[in-house]
Amino acid sequence: MNMKVVILESAEHDLKELKSYIVKNFSIETWQSTYDKIKAVIRNLKTFPHAGSIPEEFEKLNLSQYRQVISGMNRIIYEVRQDTLYIHIITDARRDLKSLLTRRLLRTI
Protein backbone atom coordinates (compact mmCIF):
# COMPACT_ATOMS: atom_id res chain seq x y z
CA MET A 1 0.00 0.00 0.00
CA ASN A 2 1.34 3.44 -0.91
CA MET A 3 -0.31 6.21 1.07
CA LYS A 4 -0.59 9.87 0.17
CA VAL A 5 1.25 12.00 2.77
CA VAL A 6 0.03 15.42 3.87
CA ILE A 7 2.29 17.43 6.14
CA LEU A 8 -0.02 19.79 8.00
CA GLU A 9 0.84 23.43 8.65
CA SER A 10 1.45 22.66 12.33
CA ALA A 11 4.11 20.08 11.42
CA GLU A 12 5.69 22.49 8.91
CA HIS A 13 5.94 25.02 11.74
CA ASP A 14 7.50 22.33 13.95
CA LEU A 15 10.14 21.65 11.29
CA LYS A 16 11.04 25.34 11.08
CA GLU A 17 11.42 25.54 14.87
CA LEU A 18 13.46 22.34 14.94
CA LYS A 19 15.72 23.62 12.17
CA SER A 20 16.34 26.91 13.98
CA TYR A 21 17.16 25.12 17.21
CA ILE A 22 19.52 22.58 15.64
CA VAL A 23 21.36 25.08 13.42
CA LYS A 24 21.75 27.51 16.35
CA ASN A 25 22.94 24.90 18.86
CA PHE A 26 24.73 22.41 16.61
CA SER A 27 25.32 22.98 12.90
CA ILE A 28 23.71 23.09 9.48
CA GLU A 29 25.20 19.64 8.82
CA THR A 30 23.46 18.23 11.90
CA TRP A 31 20.20 19.75 10.69
CA GLN A 32 20.62 18.23 7.23
CA SER A 33 21.28 14.81 8.74
CA THR A 34 18.25 15.14 11.03
CA TYR A 35 16.03 16.30 8.17
CA ASP A 36 17.19 13.47 5.92
CA LYS A 37 16.28 10.95 8.64
CA ILE A 38 12.85 12.51 9.13
CA LYS A 39 12.17 12.36 5.37
CA ALA A 40 13.28 8.70 5.26
CA VAL A 41 10.93 7.77 8.11
CA ILE A 42 8.02 9.54 6.40
CA ARG A 43 8.80 7.75 3.11
CA ASN A 44 8.72 4.45 5.00
CA LEU A 45 5.33 5.36 6.49
CA LYS A 46 3.91 5.70 2.97
CA THR A 47 4.35 1.95 2.60
CA PHE A 48 3.88 0.89 6.23
CA PRO A 49 1.42 3.41 7.72
CA HIS A 50 0.62 1.32 10.80
CA ALA A 51 4.26 0.75 11.71
CA GLY A 52 4.12 3.37 14.45
CA SER A 53 2.76 2.90 17.93
CA ILE A 54 -0.11 4.78 19.53
CA PRO A 55 1.37 7.57 21.68
CA GLU A 56 0.70 7.02 25.37
CA GLU A 57 -0.79 10.51 25.65
CA PHE A 58 -3.36 9.69 22.94
CA GLU A 59 -4.03 6.14 24.09
CA LYS A 60 -5.21 7.47 27.46
CA LEU A 61 -7.78 9.55 25.55
CA ASN A 62 -8.81 6.57 23.40
CA LEU A 63 -7.55 8.27 20.21
CA SER A 64 -6.18 5.21 18.46
CA GLN A 65 -6.13 6.78 14.99
CA TYR A 66 -2.99 8.72 15.99
CA ARG A 67 0.37 7.00 15.80
CA GLN A 68 4.00 7.94 16.29
CA VAL A 69 7.39 6.95 15.02
CA ILE A 70 10.77 7.99 16.33
CA SER A 71 13.39 9.49 14.04
CA GLY A 72 16.64 10.03 15.92
CA MET A 73 15.71 12.33 18.81
CA ASN A 74 12.37 13.33 17.24
CA ARG A 75 8.80 12.11 17.38
CA ILE A 76 6.59 12.22 14.33
CA ILE A 77 2.91 12.03 15.23
CA TYR A 78 0.53 11.23 12.44
CA GLU A 79 -2.98 10.08 11.66
CA VAL A 80 -4.10 7.51 9.11
CA ARG A 81 -7.40 8.21 7.36
CA GLN A 82 -8.35 5.95 4.46
CA ASP A 83 -5.51 6.29 1.92
CA THR A 84 -3.98 9.45 3.40
CA LEU A 85 -1.44 9.90 6.16
CA TYR A 86 -1.57 13.28 7.93
CA ILE A 87 1.57 14.43 9.74
CA HIS A 88 0.44 16.52 12.73
CA ILE A 89 3.53 16.97 14.90
CA ILE A 90 7.29 16.73 14.49
CA THR A 91 9.00 17.45 17.80
CA ASP A 92 11.97 16.60 19.97
CA ALA A 93 11.23 13.32 21.73
CA ARG A 94 12.32 14.83 25.06
CA ARG A 95 9.71 17.58 24.84
CA ASP A 96 6.56 17.30 26.95
CA LEU A 97 3.84 16.45 24.44
CA LYS A 98 1.00 17.35 26.79
CA SER A 99 2.31 20.93 27.13
CA LEU A 100 2.82 21.18 23.38
CA LEU A 101 -0.75 20.05 22.69
CA THR A 102 -2.14 22.46 25.30
CA ARG A 103 -0.28 25.41 23.72
CA ARG A 104 -1.58 24.46 20.28
CA LEU A 105 -5.12 24.19 21.53
CA LEU A 106 -4.91 27.60 23.21
CA ARG A 107 -3.45 29.12 20.03
CA THR A 108 -6.51 28.06 18.02
CA ILE A 109 -9.05 29.45 20.47
C-alpha atoms as a PDB file:
ATOM      1  CA  MET A   1       0.000   0.000   0.000  1.00  0.00           C
ATOM      2  CA  ASN A   2       1.345   3.443  -0.905  1.00  0.00           C
ATOM      3  CA  MET A   3      -0.314   6.213   1.066  1.00  0.00           C
ATOM      4  CA  LYS A   4      -0.592   9.871   0.173  1.00  0.00           C
ATOM      5  CA  VAL A   5       1.245  11.998   2.768  1.00  0.00           C
ATOM      6  CA  VAL A   6       0.026  15.421   3.867  1.00  0.00           C
ATOM      7  CA  ILE A   7       2.294  17.428   6.144  1.00  0.00           C
ATOM      8  CA  LEU A   8      -0.015  19.790   7.997  1.00  0.00           C
ATOM      9  CA  GLU A   9       0.835  23.434   8.648  1.00  0.00           C
ATOM     10  CA  SER A  10       1.447  22.659  12.332  1.00  0.00           C
ATOM     11  CA  ALA A  11       4.111  20.080  11.416  1.00  0.00           C
ATOM     12  CA  GLU A  12       5.686  22.487   8.915  1.00  0.00           C
ATOM     13  CA  HIS A  13       5.936  25.023  11.735  1.00  0.00           C
ATOM     14  CA  ASP A  14       7.502  22.333  13.947  1.00  0.00           C
ATOM     15  CA  LEU A  15      10.138  21.653  11.287  1.00  0.00           C
ATOM     16  CA  LYS A  16      11.044  25.342  11.077  1.00  0.00           C
ATOM     17  CA  GLU A  17      11.423  25.543  14.869  1.00  0.00           C
ATOM     18  CA  LEU A  18      13.459  22.344  14.938  1.00  0.00           C
ATOM     19  CA  LYS A  19      15.724  23.615  12.173  1.00  0.00           C
ATOM     20  CA  SER A  20      16.342  26.914  13.984  1.00  0.00           C
ATOM     21  CA  TYR A  21      17.160  25.118  17.214  1.00  0.00           C
ATOM     22  CA  ILE A  22      19.520  22.577  15.636  1.00  0.00           C
ATOM     23  CA  VAL A  23      21.355  25.082  13.424  1.00  0.00           C
ATOM     24  CA  LYS A  24      21.754  27.511  16.346  1.00  0.00           C
ATOM     25  CA  ASN A  25      22.937  24.904  18.858  1.00  0.00           C
ATOM     26  CA  PHE A  26      24.735  22.407  16.607  1.00  0.00           C
ATOM     27  CA  SER A  27      25.321  22.982  12.898  1.00  0.00           C
ATOM     28  CA  ILE A  28      23.706  23.091   9.480  1.00  0.00           C
ATOM     29  CA  GLU A  29      25.195  19.639   8.819  1.00  0.00           C
ATOM     30  CA  THR A  30      23.457  18.235  11.900  1.00  0.00           C
ATOM     31  CA  TRP A  31      20.196  19.753  10.689  1.00  0.00           C
ATOM     32  CA  GLN A  32      20.620  18.231   7.232  1.00  0.00           C
ATOM     33  CA  SER A  33      21.281  14.809   8.735  1.00  0.00           C
ATOM     34  CA  THR A  34      18.246  15.136  11.026  1.00  0.00           C
ATOM     35  CA  TYR A  35      16.028  16.304   8.166  1.00  0.00           C
ATOM     36  CA  ASP A  36      17.191  13.466   5.918  1.00  0.00           C
ATOM     37  CA  LYS A  37      16.283  10.946   8.643  1.00  0.00           C
ATOM     38  CA  ILE A  38      12.847  12.513   9.129  1.00  0.00           C
ATOM     39  CA  LYS A  39      12.170  12.360   5.372  1.00  0.00           C
ATOM     40  CA  ALA A  40      13.283   8.701   5.258  1.00  0.00           C
ATOM     41  CA  VAL A  41      10.931   7.773   8.107  1.00  0.00           C
ATOM     42  CA  ILE A  42       8.024   9.544   6.403  1.00  0.00           C
ATOM     43  CA  ARG A  43       8.801   7.750   3.111  1.00  0.00           C
ATOM     44  CA  ASN A  44       8.722   4.452   4.999  1.00  0.00           C
ATOM     45  CA  LEU A  45       5.328   5.355   6.487  1.00  0.00           C
ATOM     46  CA  LYS A  46       3.909   5.695   2.969  1.00  0.00           C
ATOM     47  CA  THR A  47       4.347   1.947   2.603  1.00  0.00           C
ATOM     48  CA  PHE A  48       3.878   0.890   6.234  1.00  0.00           C
ATOM     49  CA  PRO A  49       1.423   3.413   7.725  1.00  0.00           C
ATOM     50  CA  HIS A  50       0.621   1.323  10.796  1.00  0.00           C
ATOM     51  CA  ALA A  51       4.263   0.753  11.709  1.00  0.00           C
ATOM     52  CA  GLY A  52       4.122   3.367  14.450  1.00  0.00           C
ATOM     53  CA  SER A  53       2.760   2.902  17.931  1.00  0.00           C
ATOM     54  CA  ILE A  54      -0.108   4.779  19.531  1.00  0.00           C
ATOM     55  CA  PRO A  55       1.372   7.575  21.676  1.00  0.00           C
ATOM     56  CA  GLU A  56       0.699   7.018  25.369  1.00  0.00           C
ATOM     57  CA  GLU A  57      -0.789  10.515  25.651  1.00  0.00           C
ATOM     58  CA  PHE A  58      -3.356   9.694  22.945  1.00  0.00           C
ATOM     59  CA  GLU A  59      -4.029   6.139  24.090  1.00  0.00           C
ATOM     60  CA  LYS A  60      -5.213   7.473  27.457  1.00  0.00           C
ATOM     61  CA  LEU A  61      -7.784   9.549  25.548  1.00  0.00           C
ATOM     62  CA  ASN A  62      -8.812   6.575  23.401  1.00  0.00           C
ATOM     63  CA  LEU A  63      -7.555   8.269  20.206  1.00  0.00           C
ATOM     64  CA  SER A  64      -6.182   5.213  18.462  1.00  0.00           C
ATOM     65  CA  GLN A  65      -6.134   6.781  14.986  1.00  0.00           C
ATOM     66  CA  TYR A  66      -2.995   8.719  15.987  1.00  0.00           C
ATOM     67  CA  ARG A  67       0.368   6.997  15.798  1.00  0.00           C
ATOM     68  CA  GLN A  68       3.996   7.936  16.293  1.00  0.00           C
ATOM     69  CA  VAL A  69       7.392   6.948  15.022  1.00  0.00           C
ATOM     70  CA  ILE A  70      10.773   7.986  16.330  1.00  0.00           C
ATOM     71  CA  SER A  71      13.394   9.491  14.044  1.00  0.00           C
ATOM     72  CA  GLY A  72      16.642  10.029  15.925  1.00  0.00           C
ATOM     73  CA  MET A  73      15.706  12.330  18.812  1.00  0.00           C
ATOM     74  CA  ASN A  74      12.374  13.334  17.238  1.00  0.00           C
ATOM     75  CA  ARG A  75       8.795  12.113  17.380  1.00  0.00           C
ATOM     76  CA  ILE A  76       6.586  12.215  14.332  1.00  0.00           C
ATOM     77  CA  ILE A  77       2.912  12.028  15.231  1.00  0.00           C
ATOM     78  CA  TYR A  78       0.526  11.234  12.438  1.00  0.00           C
ATOM     79  CA  GLU A  79      -2.983  10.081  11.664  1.00  0.00           C
ATOM     80  CA  VAL A  80      -4.099   7.514   9.114  1.00  0.00           C
ATOM     81  CA  ARG A  81      -7.397   8.208   7.356  1.00  0.00           C
ATOM     82  CA  GLN A  82      -8.346   5.950   4.462  1.00  0.00           C
ATOM     83  CA  ASP A  83      -5.509   6.287   1.916  1.00  0.00           C
ATOM     84  CA  THR A  84      -3.982   9.452   3.403  1.00  0.00           C
ATOM     85  CA  LEU A  85      -1.437   9.904   6.163  1.00  0.00           C
ATOM     86  CA  TYR A  86      -1.568  13.278   7.933  1.00  0.00           C
ATOM     87  CA  ILE A  87       1.573  14.425   9.744  1.00  0.00           C
ATOM     88  CA  HIS A  88       0.436  16.519  12.726  1.00  0.00           C
ATOM     89  CA  ILE A  89       3.528  16.975  14.903  1.00  0.00           C
ATOM     90  CA  ILE A  90       7.294  16.732  14.488  1.00  0.00           C
ATOM     91  CA  THR A  91       8.997  17.445  17.802  1.00  0.00           C
ATOM     92  CA  ASP A  92      11.967  16.605  19.969  1.00  0.00           C
ATOM     93  CA  ALA A  93      11.231  13.317  21.735  1.00  0.00           C
ATOM     94  CA  ARG A  94      12.318  14.834  25.060  1.00  0.00           C
ATOM     95  CA  ARG A  95       9.712  17.580  24.838  1.00  0.00           C
ATOM     96  CA  ASP A  96       6.561  17.304  26.948  1.00  0.00           C
ATOM     97  CA  LEU A  97       3.837  16.451  24.437  1.00  0.00           C
ATOM     98  CA  LYS A  98       0.996  17.348  26.790  1.00  0.00           C
ATOM     99  CA  SER A  99       2.307  20.927  27.130  1.00  0.00           C
ATOM    100  CA  LEU A 100       2.820  21.183  23.376  1.00  0.00           C
ATOM    101  CA  LEU A 101      -0.754  20.055  22.694  1.00  0.00           C
ATOM    102  CA  THR A 102      -2.138  22.463  25.297  1.00  0.00           C
ATOM    103  CA  ARG A 103      -0.281  25.410  23.724  1.00  0.00           C
ATOM    104  CA  ARG A 104      -1.579  24.463  20.278  1.00  0.00           C
ATOM    105  CA  LEU A 105      -5.118  24.189  21.530  1.00  0.00           C
ATOM    106  CA  LEU A 106      -4.915  27.603  23.212  1.00  0.00           C
ATOM    107  CA  ARG A 107      -3.446  29.118  20.034  1.00  0.00           C
ATOM    108  CA  THR A 108      -6.505  28.057  18.021  1.00  0.00           C
ATOM    109  CA  ILE A 109      -9.052  29.447  20.466  1.00  0.00           C
END
